[in-house]
Protein backbone atom coordinates (compact mmCIF):
# COMPACT_ATOMS: atom_id res chain seq x y z
CA UNK A 1 -12.73 65.01 3.64
CA UNK A 2 -9.61 64.33 4.65
CA UNK A 3 -11.08 61.83 7.86
CA UNK A 4 -13.56 60.08 5.10
CA UNK A 5 -10.89 58.95 3.21
CA UNK A 6 -8.78 57.57 6.29
CA UNK A 7 -11.94 55.54 6.97
CA UNK A 8 -11.87 54.23 3.39
CA UNK A 9 -8.39 53.14 3.75
CA UNK A 10 -8.55 51.49 6.91
CA UNK A 11 -11.57 49.64 5.62
CA UNK A 12 -9.54 48.72 2.60
CA UNK A 13 -6.58 47.45 4.81
CA UNK A 14 -9.26 45.41 7.23
CA UNK A 15 -10.68 43.98 4.10
CA UNK A 16 -7.07 42.87 2.60
CA UNK A 17 -5.63 41.40 5.76
CA UNK A 18 -4.75 37.58 6.10
CA UNK A 19 -7.58 35.50 7.93
CA UNK A 20 -6.54 34.27 11.25
CA UNK A 21 -4.61 30.96 11.53
CA UNK A 22 -7.22 29.37 14.02
CA UNK A 23 -10.20 29.35 11.37
CA UNK A 24 -11.15 25.66 10.57
CA UNK A 25 -10.21 24.42 7.37
CA UNK A 26 -13.05 24.37 4.72
CA UNK A 27 -13.59 21.69 2.00
CA UNK A 28 -12.81 24.23 -0.58
CA UNK A 29 -9.66 25.04 1.40
CA UNK A 30 -8.20 21.53 1.68
CA UNK A 31 -5.18 19.93 -0.33
CA UNK A 32 -6.11 17.31 -2.88
CA UNK A 33 -3.64 14.44 -3.45
CA UNK A 34 -4.44 12.68 -6.85
CA UNK A 35 -3.87 8.95 -6.19
CA UNK A 36 -4.25 6.83 -9.29
CA UNK A 37 -3.26 3.32 -10.64
CA UNK A 38 -3.35 -0.27 -10.07
CA UNK A 39 -7.17 -1.82 -9.99
CA UNK A 40 -5.78 -4.62 -7.68
CA UNK A 41 -4.96 -1.98 -5.07
CA UNK A 42 -7.74 0.33 -5.62
CA UNK A 43 -9.76 -1.00 -2.80
CA UNK A 44 -6.84 -0.66 -0.36
CA UNK A 45 -6.15 2.73 -1.53
CA UNK A 46 -9.40 3.67 -0.90
CA UNK A 47 -9.46 2.28 2.45
CA UNK A 48 -6.09 3.63 3.19
CA UNK A 49 -7.69 7.16 2.31
CA UNK A 50 -10.64 7.16 4.15
CA UNK A 51 -8.55 6.37 6.82
CA UNK A 52 -6.00 9.25 6.64
CA UNK A 53 -8.66 11.76 5.68
CA UNK A 54 -10.48 10.92 9.00
CA UNK A 55 -6.99 11.80 10.89
CA UNK A 56 -6.34 14.82 8.78
CA UNK A 57 -9.64 16.58 7.27
CA UNK A 58 -7.44 19.01 6.10
CA UNK A 59 -6.28 16.44 3.26
CA UNK A 60 -8.45 15.66 0.28
CA UNK A 61 -7.38 12.09 -1.19
CA UNK A 62 -8.91 11.36 -4.64
CA UNK A 63 -8.42 7.66 -5.41
CA UNK A 64 -9.07 6.10 -9.49
CA UNK A 65 -8.30 3.00 -10.90
CA UNK A 66 -7.53 2.19 -14.52
CA UNK A 67 -4.62 -0.06 -14.13
CA UNK A 68 -1.18 0.10 -13.39
CA UNK A 69 0.39 1.43 -16.92
CA UNK A 70 -2.60 4.12 -16.77
CA UNK A 71 -1.01 5.62 -13.50
CA UNK A 72 2.36 5.28 -14.40
CA UNK A 73 1.46 7.13 -17.32
CA UNK A 74 0.05 9.93 -15.57
CA UNK A 75 3.06 10.29 -13.29
CA UNK A 76 5.07 10.85 -16.41
CA UNK A 77 2.66 13.39 -18.05
CA UNK A 78 2.69 14.71 -14.54
CA UNK A 79 -1.11 14.66 -13.76
CA UNK A 80 -0.87 12.36 -10.27
CA UNK A 81 0.91 13.13 -6.87
CA UNK A 82 1.09 9.07 -6.13
CA UNK A 83 0.61 6.19 -8.44
CA UNK A 84 -0.51 3.02 -7.07
CA UNK A 85 1.11 -0.29 -9.32
CA UNK A 86 1.03 -3.80 -8.86
CA UNK A 87 4.44 -4.12 -10.88
CA UNK A 88 7.43 -2.35 -11.12
CA UNK A 89 7.97 0.36 -13.20
CA UNK A 90 9.59 -0.74 -16.73
CA UNK A 91 12.99 0.92 -17.80
CA UNK A 92 11.44 2.53 -21.02
CA UNK A 93 8.92 3.97 -18.60
CA UNK A 94 11.69 5.31 -16.25
CA UNK A 95 13.39 7.00 -19.58
CA UNK A 96 10.49 8.43 -20.64
CA UNK A 97 9.49 10.13 -17.27
CA UNK A 98 13.51 11.27 -17.34
CA UNK A 99 12.85 13.07 -20.47
CA UNK A 100 10.01 15.06 -19.11
CA UNK A 101 12.33 16.03 -16.24
CA UNK A 102 10.43 13.57 -13.98
CA UNK A 103 12.39 11.03 -11.41
CA UNK A 104 10.24 8.29 -10.30
CA UNK A 105 10.74 7.49 -6.61
CA UNK A 106 9.62 3.64 -5.47
CA UNK A 107 8.18 2.63 -2.13
CA UNK A 108 6.90 -0.74 -1.17
CA UNK A 109 3.85 -0.35 0.54
CA UNK A 110 2.35 -3.95 0.80
CA UNK A 111 2.65 -7.11 -0.53
CA UNK A 112 0.07 -9.65 -2.45
CA UNK A 113 -0.72 -13.16 -3.83
CA UNK A 114 -1.88 -13.70 -7.08
CA UNK A 115 -4.02 -16.89 -6.85
CA UNK A 116 -5.04 -19.41 -9.50
CA UNK A 117 -8.67 -19.78 -9.12
CA UNK A 118 -11.14 -22.20 -10.69
CA UNK A 119 -14.88 -23.01 -9.89
CA UNK A 120 -15.72 -24.39 -6.69
CA UNK A 121 -16.87 -27.88 -8.42
CA UNK A 122 -13.76 -28.25 -10.57
CA UNK A 123 -12.16 -31.13 -9.29
CA UNK A 124 -8.44 -29.87 -10.32
CA UNK A 125 -6.84 -28.51 -7.24
CA UNK A 126 -3.21 -28.22 -7.98
CA UNK A 127 -1.07 -27.12 -11.24
CA UNK A 128 2.66 -26.37 -11.74
CA UNK A 129 3.69 -23.37 -13.56
CA UNK A 130 4.26 -25.46 -16.99
CA UNK A 131 0.78 -26.69 -16.87
CA UNK A 132 -0.73 -23.14 -16.15
CA UNK A 133 1.36 -21.56 -18.92
CA UNK A 134 0.52 -24.29 -21.44
CA UNK A 135 -3.26 -23.56 -20.65
CA UNK A 136 -3.08 -19.88 -20.97
CA UNK A 137 -1.09 -20.15 -23.84
CA UNK A 138 -3.48 -22.57 -25.65
CA UNK A 139 -1.24 -25.74 -25.69
CA UNK A 140 -3.56 -27.38 -23.01
CA UNK A 141 -7.34 -26.67 -23.74
CA UNK A 142 -9.10 -29.48 -21.97
CA UNK A 143 -9.72 -29.94 -18.18
CA UNK A 144 -8.96 -33.82 -18.52
CA UNK A 145 -5.23 -33.08 -19.84
CA UNK A 146 -4.70 -31.76 -16.33
CA UNK A 147 -6.71 -34.46 -14.08
CA UNK A 148 -10.07 -32.91 -14.59
CA UNK A 149 -13.47 -33.93 -16.24
CA UNK A 150 -13.50 -33.63 -20.12
CA UNK A 151 -14.62 -30.03 -20.48
CA UNK A 152 -13.25 -27.37 -22.41
CA UNK A 153 -11.12 -24.65 -20.81
CA UNK A 154 -12.43 -21.20 -20.65
CA UNK A 155 -9.35 -18.71 -20.23
CA UNK A 156 -10.10 -15.30 -18.28
CA UNK A 157 -7.36 -12.69 -17.88
CA UNK A 158 -6.91 -9.23 -16.70
CA UNK A 159 -6.43 -6.62 -19.67
CA UNK A 160 -3.11 -5.74 -20.85
CA UNK A 161 -2.70 -2.53 -18.61
CA UNK A 162 -3.02 -4.22 -15.61
CA UNK A 163 0.12 -4.58 -13.60
CA UNK A 164 -1.28 -8.11 -12.47
CA UNK A 165 -1.60 -9.11 -16.38
CA UNK A 166 2.10 -7.99 -16.76
CA UNK A 167 3.23 -9.96 -13.53
CA UNK A 168 1.42 -12.98 -14.83
CA UNK A 169 2.63 -13.09 -17.74
CA UNK A 170 6.39 -12.73 -17.14
CA UNK A 171 6.47 -14.94 -14.10
CA UNK A 172 4.25 -17.74 -14.89
CA UNK A 173 3.27 -17.65 -18.31
CA UNK A 174 7.19 -17.10 -19.27
CA UNK A 175 8.25 -18.58 -16.15
CA UNK A 176 10.85 -16.06 -15.49
CA UNK A 177 12.65 -16.68 -18.62
CA UNK A 178 13.17 -12.89 -19.96
CA UNK A 179 14.12 -14.52 -23.39
CA UNK A 180 10.57 -15.81 -23.96
CA UNK A 181 8.28 -14.40 -26.26
CA UNK A 182 5.02 -16.36 -25.02
CA UNK A 183 1.83 -14.77 -25.16
CA UNK A 184 -1.81 -15.28 -23.41
CA UNK A 185 -3.78 -17.01 -26.20
CA UNK A 186 -6.00 -15.14 -28.20
CA UNK A 187 -8.91 -17.13 -26.81
CA UNK A 188 -8.27 -15.55 -23.48
CA UNK A 189 -11.15 -13.12 -22.21
CA UNK A 190 -9.98 -10.05 -20.89
CA UNK A 191 -11.96 -8.85 -18.02
CA UNK A 192 -11.54 -5.00 -17.15
CA UNK A 193 -11.20 -5.94 -12.95
CA UNK A 194 -10.82 -8.59 -10.83
CA UNK A 195 -14.52 -8.43 -9.58
CA UNK A 196 -15.32 -9.33 -13.40
CA UNK A 197 -13.12 -12.55 -13.14
CA UNK A 198 -14.30 -13.45 -9.69
CA UNK A 199 -18.22 -13.29 -11.21
CA UNK A 200 -17.32 -15.22 -14.17
CA UNK A 201 -15.08 -18.16 -12.36
CA UNK A 202 -17.91 -18.29 -9.67
CA UNK A 203 -20.68 -19.06 -12.68
CA UNK A 204 -18.83 -21.26 -15.11
CA UNK A 205 -17.70 -24.69 -14.28
CA UNK A 206 -15.03 -24.44 -17.10
CA UNK A 207 -13.36 -20.75 -16.29
CA UNK A 208 -9.71 -20.29 -14.74
CA UNK A 209 -8.37 -17.16 -13.48
CA UNK A 210 -6.05 -15.33 -11.62
CA UNK A 211 -6.57 -12.31 -9.19
CA UNK A 212 -5.13 -10.78 -6.08
CA UNK A 213 -5.74 -12.64 -3.12
CA UNK A 214 -7.87 -10.07 -1.70
CA UNK A 215 -10.38 -10.52 -4.38
CA UNK A 216 -11.19 -14.49 -3.88
CA UNK A 217 -14.68 -15.34 -2.79
CA UNK A 218 -16.45 -18.42 -1.20
CA UNK A 219 -17.57 -18.78 -5.08
CA UNK A 220 -14.33 -19.62 -6.14
CA UNK A 221 -11.73 -22.43 -5.60
CA UNK A 222 -7.94 -21.62 -4.90
CA UNK A 223 -5.32 -23.91 -6.66
CA UNK A 224 -2.15 -24.80 -5.20
CA UNK A 225 0.78 -23.94 -7.32
CA UNK A 226 3.97 -25.52 -7.38
CA UNK A 227 7.41 -24.31 -9.46
CA UNK A 228 7.86 -27.78 -10.96
CA UNK A 229 6.39 -31.10 -11.09
CA UNK A 230 7.88 -32.35 -8.27
CA UNK A 231 6.39 -29.61 -5.68
CA UNK A 232 5.64 -28.46 -3.17
CA UNK A 233 2.06 -27.49 -4.18
CA UNK A 234 1.46 -24.25 -2.03
CA UNK A 235 -1.78 -22.57 -1.44
CA UNK A 236 -1.52 -18.65 -1.19
CA UNK A 237 -2.17 -17.01 2.19
CA UNK A 238 -0.68 -14.42 4.32
CA UNK A 239 1.19 -16.95 5.69
CA UNK A 240 2.98 -18.36 2.54
CA UNK A 241 3.65 -14.94 1.31
CA UNK A 242 5.66 -14.08 4.50
CA UNK A 243 7.83 -17.53 4.57
CA UNK A 244 8.21 -17.23 0.95
CA UNK A 245 6.52 -20.57 -0.32
CA UNK A 246 4.05 -19.45 -2.42
CA UNK A 247 5.82 -18.72 -5.69
CA UNK A 248 3.17 -16.13 -7.23
CA UNK A 249 3.98 -13.27 -4.57
CA UNK A 250 4.82 -9.72 -5.47
CA UNK A 251 5.44 -6.56 -3.46
CA UNK A 252 2.78 -3.83 -4.35
CA UNK A 253 4.23 -0.12 -5.16
CA UNK A 254 3.81 3.25 -4.52
CA UNK A 255 5.44 5.83 -7.22
CA UNK A 256 5.81 9.71 -6.57
CA UNK A 257 7.78 12.28 -9.31
CA UNK A 258 10.84 12.52 -7.03
CA UNK A 259 11.41 12.81 -3.59
CA UNK A 260 7.74 13.27 -1.93
CA UNK A 261 7.90 16.22 0.63
CA UNK A 262 4.98 18.05 2.62
CA UNK A 263 1.51 16.15 2.85
CA UNK A 264 2.47 13.69 0.20
CA UNK A 265 5.44 12.50 2.11
CA UNK A 266 3.43 12.71 5.28
CA UNK A 267 0.86 10.30 3.70
CA UNK A 268 3.44 7.95 2.48
CA UNK A 269 4.94 7.66 5.90
CA UNK A 270 1.68 6.95 7.74
CA UNK A 271 0.83 4.35 4.95
CA UNK A 272 3.62 2.41 5.56
CA UNK A 273 3.69 2.74 9.26
CA UNK A 274 0.19 2.79 10.77
CA UNK A 275 -1.78 2.22 7.57
CA UNK A 276 -0.16 -1.11 7.39
CA UNK A 277 -2.81 -2.32 10.07
CA UNK A 278 -5.41 -1.69 7.52
CA UNK A 279 -3.56 -4.17 4.86
CA UNK A 280 -4.47 -7.61 6.04
CA UNK A 281 -8.27 -6.58 6.48
CA UNK A 282 -8.57 -6.70 2.93
CA UNK A 283 -6.62 -9.68 1.96
CA UNK A 284 -3.12 -8.23 1.44
CA UNK A 285 0.19 -8.62 3.18
CA UNK A 286 1.56 -6.40 5.81
CA UNK A 287 5.35 -5.14 4.48
CA UNK A 288 6.18 -5.23 8.24
C-alpha cells in the first residue's frame, strides 16, 4: 500500500512540474500588445506590427483605429499599451491621466504632411493659410473667389475625435493663434476616415479636403500652400517636410502609461530604429 502512495505522489509531482523552457510558444501563450488610436497612423501601425511579429513570433500586436482622441482616452482608462496619436496630448488629458495615477510618456515615431487636396480637374493649384481658413469657416463659398471656376465649394473634414482635425483647426484655420475661436463651418461634411475624403474628392469636382500625405491617390490634386500671400507656395512631399519648407507638417506620436518596460519597450525601440525603413513606403517621413 505504501508503494502505491509513493507512485501516486510521484505522478502528481510530475504533473505539476514546469514545462521545459525550449517548448515553442503557442499563439495562446503569446503576449499581446494593445495598440490603438490615430486613423492617420493605422496603416503604418499595421505594417509595423506585421513586420515585428514576423521577427518576434512570441508577441501579438493588436492594432485598432478610432482616432487620436479615442486612443488617448483608452490610455487614461488604462485599457491600452501603446497609443498612436497624430497630435500632441493636451494638458487637460495629461491632468486626467495623472488623476488616475498614469503619467503619459511621449515618443516621436514618424513625421507627416497634411495635404490640401482638390479634384484633379480643379484649376486652383495654390492657396494661402488665410484663404484655406476663409474657405473652411464659410467666408469663401465659391471657387471663383480664389481663382477657380464659378462653382460652390464642398467642404470635407475629418471628425472631431481625429488628431488631424485638431491639428488642421489649430494650425491652419486658426493660423496658430491660441486666442482664436474660429471653428469649421457647420456646412463641412465630416468624414470618418482619410479614405472617405479621398473617395469623395476623387469624384466631386467641387470638393476640397485635407489628409495625411500617405493617403493621397492619383485621383486627387495636391494644392501648394503658403503661410502668406507673398509665398513661397510649397507642395507636400518627404523632401519638403525634411527641409521644413512645407508649412503643414507635424510629428506623429506614440504614448505609453509611464516609461515602457519589457516587450513594449523593445517594440518601441525597434519602431524608431529598424522600423523606420517602413515609414517612407507608406507615404510618411522617417524621423532619421
